PDB file of N, CA and C in Angstrom:
ATOM      1  N   UNK A   1       0.765  -1.185  -0.085  1.00  0.00           N
ATOM      2  CA  UNK A   1       0.076  -0.139   0.033  1.00  0.00           C
ATOM      3  C   UNK A   1       0.870   1.366   0.014  1.00  0.00           C
ATOM      4  N   UNK A   2       0.749   1.979  -0.821  1.00  0.00           N
ATOM      5  CA  UNK A   2       1.519   3.224  -1.103  1.00  0.00           C
ATOM      6  C   UNK A   2       1.022   4.476   0.027  1.00  0.00           C
ATOM      7  N   UNK A   3       1.682   5.289   0.326  1.00  0.00           N
ATOM      8  CA  UNK A   3       1.509   6.361   1.459  1.00  0.00           C
ATOM      9  C   UNK A   3       0.768   7.414   0.516  1.00  0.00           C
ATOM     10  N   UNK A   4       0.101   8.212   1.056  1.00  0.00           N
ATOM     11  CA  UNK A   4      -0.575   9.275   0.519  1.00  0.00           C
ATOM     12  C   UNK A   4      -0.142  10.370   0.572  1.00  0.00           C
ATOM     13  N   UNK A   5       0.658  11.095   0.189  1.00  0.00           N
ATOM     14  CA  UNK A   5       1.639  12.103   0.150  1.00  0.00           C
ATOM     15  C   UNK A   5       0.937  13.584  -0.173  1.00  0.00           C
ATOM     16  N   UNK A   6       1.243  14.682   0.441  1.00  0.00           N
ATOM     17  CA  UNK A   6       0.648  15.777   0.015  1.00  0.00           C
ATOM     18  C   UNK A   6      -0.889  15.990   0.721  1.00  0.00           C
ATOM     19  N   UNK A   7      -1.221  15.503   1.728  1.00  0.00           N
ATOM     20  CA  UNK A   7      -2.542  16.039   1.985  1.00  0.00           C
ATOM     21  C   UNK A   7      -2.577  17.447   2.590  1.00  0.00           C
ATOM     22  N   UNK A   8      -1.648  17.792   3.165  1.00  0.00           N
ATOM     23  CA  UNK A   8      -1.516  19.296   3.570  1.00  0.00           C
ATOM     24  C   UNK A   8      -0.844  20.107   2.485  1.00  0.00           C
ATOM     25  N   UNK A   9      -1.542  21.285   2.039  1.00  0.00           N
ATOM     26  CA  UNK A   9      -1.000  21.977   1.224  1.00  0.00           C
ATOM     27  C   UNK A   9       0.448  22.538   1.944  1.00  0.00           C
ATOM     28  N   UNK A  10       1.239  22.893   0.931  1.00  0.00           N
ATOM     29  CA  UNK A  10       2.567  23.616   1.325  1.00  0.00           C
ATOM     30  C   UNK A  10       2.553  24.852   2.026  1.00  0.00           C
ATOM     31  N   UNK A  11       1.463  25.664   1.606  1.00  0.00           N
ATOM     32  CA  UNK A  11       0.997  26.835   2.220  1.00  0.00           C
ATOM     33  C   UNK A  11       0.662  26.784   3.676  1.00  0.00           C
ATOM     34  N   UNK A  12      -0.452  25.617   3.678  1.00  0.00           N
ATOM     35  CA  UNK A  12      -0.529  25.338   5.279  1.00  0.00           C
ATOM     36  C   UNK A  12       0.566  25.092   6.165  1.00  0.00           C
ATOM     37  N   UNK A  13       1.367  24.135   5.630  1.00  0.00           N
ATOM     38  CA  UNK A  13       2.818  23.667   6.330  1.00  0.00           C
ATOM     39  C   UNK A  13       3.491  24.882   6.637  1.00  0.00           C
ATOM     40  N   UNK A  14       3.581  25.758   5.784  1.00  0.00           N
ATOM     41  CA  UNK A  14       4.326  26.931   6.009  1.00  0.00           C
ATOM     42  C   UNK A  14       3.922  28.124   6.781  1.00  0.00           C
ATOM     43  N   UNK A  15       2.712  28.176   6.975  1.00  0.00           N
ATOM     44  CA  UNK A  15       1.849  29.076   7.887  1.00  0.00           C
ATOM     45  C   UNK A  15       1.975  28.432   9.166  1.00  0.00           C
ATOM     46  N   UNK A  16       1.813  27.132   9.282  1.00  0.00           N
ATOM     47  CA  UNK A  16       2.157  26.852  10.854  1.00  0.00           C
ATOM     48  C   UNK A  16       3.322  26.677  11.387  1.00  0.00           C
ATOM     49  N   UNK A  17       4.342  26.399  10.449  1.00  0.00           N
ATOM     50  CA  UNK A  17       5.730  26.575  10.415  1.00  0.00           C
ATOM     51  C   UNK A  17       6.229  27.807  11.183  1.00  0.00           C
ATOM     52  N   UNK A  18       5.711  28.785  10.659  1.00  0.00           N
ATOM     53  CA  UNK A  18       5.890  30.342  10.766  1.00  0.00           C
ATOM     54  C   UNK A  18       5.358  30.343  12.405  1.00  0.00           C
ATOM     55  N   UNK A  19       4.096  30.163  12.538  1.00  0.00           N
ATOM     56  CA  UNK A  19       3.450  30.063  13.556  1.00  0.00           C
ATOM     57  C   UNK A  19       4.136  29.470  14.819  1.00  0.00           C
ATOM     58  N   UNK A  20       4.619  28.742  14.679  1.00  0.00           N
ATOM     59  CA  UNK A  20       5.375  27.532  15.682  1.00  0.00           C
ATOM     60  C   UNK A  20       6.918  27.858  15.726  1.00  0.00           C
ATOM     61  N   UNK A  21       7.332  28.848  14.876  1.00  0.00           N
ATOM     62  CA  UNK A  21       8.762  29.532  15.040  1.00  0.00           C
ATOM     63  C   UNK A  21       9.888  28.176  14.324  1.00  0.00           C
ATOM     64  N   UNK A  22       9.172  27.530  13.464  1.00  0.00           N
ATOM     65  CA  UNK A  22      10.471  26.726  12.953  1.00  0.00           C
ATOM     66  C   UNK A  22      10.528  27.048  11.115  1.00  0.00           C
ATOM     67  N   UNK A  23       9.809  28.208  10.939  1.00  0.00           N
ATOM     68  CA  UNK A  23       9.854  28.282   9.262  1.00  0.00           C
ATOM     69  C   UNK A  23      11.402  28.553   8.925  1.00  0.00           C
ATOM     70  N   UNK A  24      12.035  29.358   9.712  1.00  0.00           N
ATOM     71  CA  UNK A  24      13.586  29.581   9.294  1.00  0.00           C
ATOM     72  C   UNK A  24      14.170  28.338   8.977  1.00  0.00           C
ATOM     73  N   UNK A  25      14.264  27.333   9.874  1.00  0.00           N
ATOM     74  CA  UNK A  25      14.752  26.188   9.445  1.00  0.00           C
ATOM     75  C   UNK A  25      14.284  25.461   8.219  1.00  0.00           C
ATOM     76  N   UNK A  26      12.932  25.664   7.786  1.00  0.00           N
ATOM     77  CA  UNK A  26      12.505  25.112   6.666  1.00  0.00           C
ATOM     78  C   UNK A  26      13.091  25.868   5.596  1.00  0.00           C
ATOM     79  N   UNK A  27      12.872  27.139   5.542  1.00  0.00           N
ATOM     80  CA  UNK A  27      13.313  28.226   4.574  1.00  0.00           C
ATOM     81  C   UNK A  27      14.859  27.975   4.316  1.00  0.00           C
ATOM     82  N   UNK A  28      15.755  27.772   4.934  1.00  0.00           N
ATOM     83  CA  UNK A  28      17.495  27.417   5.007  1.00  0.00           C
ATOM     84  C   UNK A  28      17.550  26.408   4.648  1.00  0.00           C
ATOM     85  N   UNK A  29      17.299  25.424   5.232  1.00  0.00           N
ATOM     86  CA  UNK A  29      17.723  23.695   5.227  1.00  0.00           C
ATOM     87  C   UNK A  29      16.808  22.980   4.664  1.00  0.00           C
ATOM     88  N   UNK A  30      15.185  23.143   4.435  1.00  0.00           N
ATOM     89  CA  UNK A  30      14.444  22.496   3.935  1.00  0.00           C
ATOM     90  C   UNK A  30      13.661  21.550   5.102  1.00  0.00           C
ATOM     91  N   UNK A  31      12.487  20.915   4.508  1.00  0.00           N
ATOM     92  CA  UNK A  31      11.569  20.250   5.500  1.00  0.00           C
ATOM     93  C   UNK A  31      12.548  19.084   6.058  1.00  0.00           C
ATOM     94  N   UNK A  32      13.354  18.456   5.709  1.00  0.00           N
ATOM     95  CA  UNK A  32      14.181  17.368   6.097  1.00  0.00           C
ATOM     96  C   UNK A  32      15.131  17.887   7.460  1.00  0.00           C
ATOM     97  N   UNK A  33      15.296  18.831   7.578  1.00  0.00           N
ATOM     98  CA  UNK A  33      16.100  19.451   8.506  1.00  0.00           C
ATOM     99  C   UNK A  33      14.877  19.873   9.976  1.00  0.00           C
ATOM    100  N   UNK A  34      13.833  19.835   9.757  1.00  0.00           N
ATOM    101  CA  UNK A  34      13.018  20.206  10.981  1.00  0.00           C
ATOM    102  C   UNK A  34      12.879  18.508  11.799  1.00  0.00           C
ATOM    103  N   UNK A  35      13.022  18.927  12.832  1.00  0.00           N
ATOM    104  CA  UNK A  35      12.968  17.647  13.978  1.00  0.00           C
ATOM    105  C   UNK A  35      11.561  17.000  13.850  1.00  0.00           C
ATOM    106  N   UNK A  36      11.507  15.749  14.301  1.00  0.00           N
ATOM    107  CA  UNK A  36      10.510  15.109  14.482  1.00  0.00           C
ATOM    108  C   UNK A  36       9.509  15.520  15.356  1.00  0.00           C
ATOM    109  N   UNK A  37       9.822  16.044  16.531  1.00  0.00           N
ATOM    110  CA  UNK A  37       8.835  16.644  17.194  1.00  0.00           C
ATOM    111  C   UNK A  37       8.382  17.917  16.786  1.00  0.00           C
ATOM    112  N   UNK A  38       8.912  18.862  16.073  1.00  0.00           N
ATOM    113  CA  UNK A  38       8.449  20.061  15.381  1.00  0.00           C
ATOM    114  C   UNK A  38       7.209  19.398  14.419  1.00  0.00           C
ATOM    115  N   UNK A  39       7.792  18.489  13.629  1.00  0.00           N
ATOM    116  CA  UNK A  39       6.760  17.939  12.601  1.00  0.00           C
ATOM    117  C   UNK A  39       5.628  17.543  13.150  1.00  0.00           C
ATOM    118  N   UNK A  40       5.599  16.709  14.484  1.00  0.00           N
ATOM    119  CA  UNK A  40       4.607  16.346  15.032  1.00  0.00           C
ATOM    120  C   UNK A  40       3.602  17.353  15.529  1.00  0.00           C
ATOM    121  N   UNK A  41       4.234  18.609  16.016  1.00  0.00           N
ATOM    122  CA  UNK A  41       3.623  19.680  16.409  1.00  0.00           C
ATOM    123  C   UNK A  41       2.925  20.286  15.341  1.00  0.00           C
ATOM    124  N   UNK A  42       3.317  20.467  14.230  1.00  0.00           N
ATOM    125  CA  UNK A  42       2.795  21.064  12.841  1.00  0.00           C
ATOM    126  C   UNK A  42       1.396  20.172  12.704  1.00  0.00           C
ATOM    127  N   UNK A  43       1.808  18.834  12.640  1.00  0.00           N
ATOM    128  CA  UNK A  43       0.447  17.998  12.340  1.00  0.00           C
ATOM    129  C   UNK A  43      -0.590  18.072  13.600  1.00  0.00           C
ATOM    130  N   UNK A  44      -0.180  18.206  14.827  1.00  0.00           N
ATOM    131  CA  UNK A  44      -0.788  18.344  15.927  1.00  0.00           C
ATOM    132  C   UNK A  44      -1.941  19.692  15.445  1.00  0.00           C
ATOM    133  N   UNK A  45      -1.145  20.662  15.225  1.00  0.00           N
ATOM    134  CA  UNK A  45      -1.710  22.012  15.101  1.00  0.00           C
ATOM    135  C   UNK A  45      -2.913  22.147  13.904  1.00  0.00           C
ATOM    136  N   UNK A  46      -2.623  21.344  12.637  1.00  0.00           N
ATOM    137  CA  UNK A  46      -3.149  21.076  11.626  1.00  0.00           C
ATOM    138  C   UNK A  46      -4.728  20.390  11.863  1.00  0.00           C
ATOM    139  N   UNK A  47      -4.298  19.234  12.681  1.00  0.00           N
ATOM    140  CA  UNK A  47      -5.554  18.690  13.218  1.00  0.00           C
ATOM    141  C   UNK A  47      -6.532  19.623  14.166  1.00  0.00           C
ATOM    142  N   UNK A  48      -5.756  20.171  14.913  1.00  0.00           N
ATOM    143  CA  UNK A  48      -6.967  21.283  15.713  1.00  0.00           C
ATOM    144  C   UNK A  48      -7.280  22.199  14.994  1.00  0.00           C
ATOM    145  N   UNK A  49      -6.764  22.664  13.898  1.00  0.00           N
ATOM    146  CA  UNK A  49      -7.365  23.637  13.017  1.00  0.00           C
ATOM    147  C   UNK A  49      -8.884  22.991  12.247  1.00  0.00           C
ATOM    148  N   UNK A  50      -8.433  21.715  11.731  1.00  0.00           N
ATOM    149  CA  UNK A  50      -9.492  21.138  11.175  1.00  0.00           C
ATOM    150  C   UNK A  50     -10.499  20.864  11.814  1.00  0.00           C
ATOM    151  N   UNK A  51     -10.412  20.382  13.074  1.00  0.00           N
ATOM    152  CA  UNK A  51     -11.297  20.144  14.320  1.00  0.00           C
ATOM    153  C   UNK A  51     -12.355  21.006  14.123  1.00  0.00           C
ATOM    154  N   UNK A  52     -11.386  22.632  14.604  1.00  0.00           N
ATOM    155  CA  UNK A  52     -12.156  23.665  15.107  1.00  0.00           C
ATOM    156  C   UNK A  52     -13.110  24.219  13.596  1.00  0.00           C
ATOM    157  N   UNK A  53     -12.617  23.716  12.517  1.00  0.00           N
ATOM    158  CA  UNK A  53     -13.372  24.346  11.282  1.00  0.00           C
ATOM    159  C   UNK A  53     -14.727  23.465  11.171  1.00  0.00           C
ATOM    160  N   UNK A  54     -14.535  22.036  11.546  1.00  0.00           N
ATOM    161  CA  UNK A  54     -15.604  21.108  11.559  1.00  0.00           C
ATOM    162  C   UNK A  54     -16.785  21.608  12.530  1.00  0.00           C
ATOM    163  N   UNK A  55     -16.568  21.899  13.777  1.00  0.00           N
ATOM    164  CA  UNK A  55     -17.159  22.258  14.812  1.00  0.00           C
ATOM    165  C   UNK A  55     -18.018  23.732  14.443  1.00  0.00           C
ATOM    166  N   UNK A  56     -17.270  24.516  13.468  1.00  0.00           N
ATOM    167  CA  UNK A  56     -17.954  25.661  13.414  1.00  0.00           C
ATOM    168  C   UNK A  56     -18.817  25.826  11.958  1.00  0.00           C
ATOM    169  N   UNK A  57     -18.799  24.556  11.386  1.00  0.00           N
ATOM    170  CA  UNK A  57     -19.639  24.519  10.261  1.00  0.00           C
ATOM    171  C   UNK A  57     -21.390  24.364  10.677  1.00  0.00           C
TER     172      UNK A  57
END
């Protein structure tokens, strides 16, 4: 079974990275240099945003 890549738009990932203070790493070194913890925090924030949007509908 293949992985489904690209579920989150690049723009959204960058927006969240800026909010969490890791965008400088992304801009200078790329996504591969972002720590696992920070990537997890980005995903967690995206899930929170999605849940909040569902509740507001």
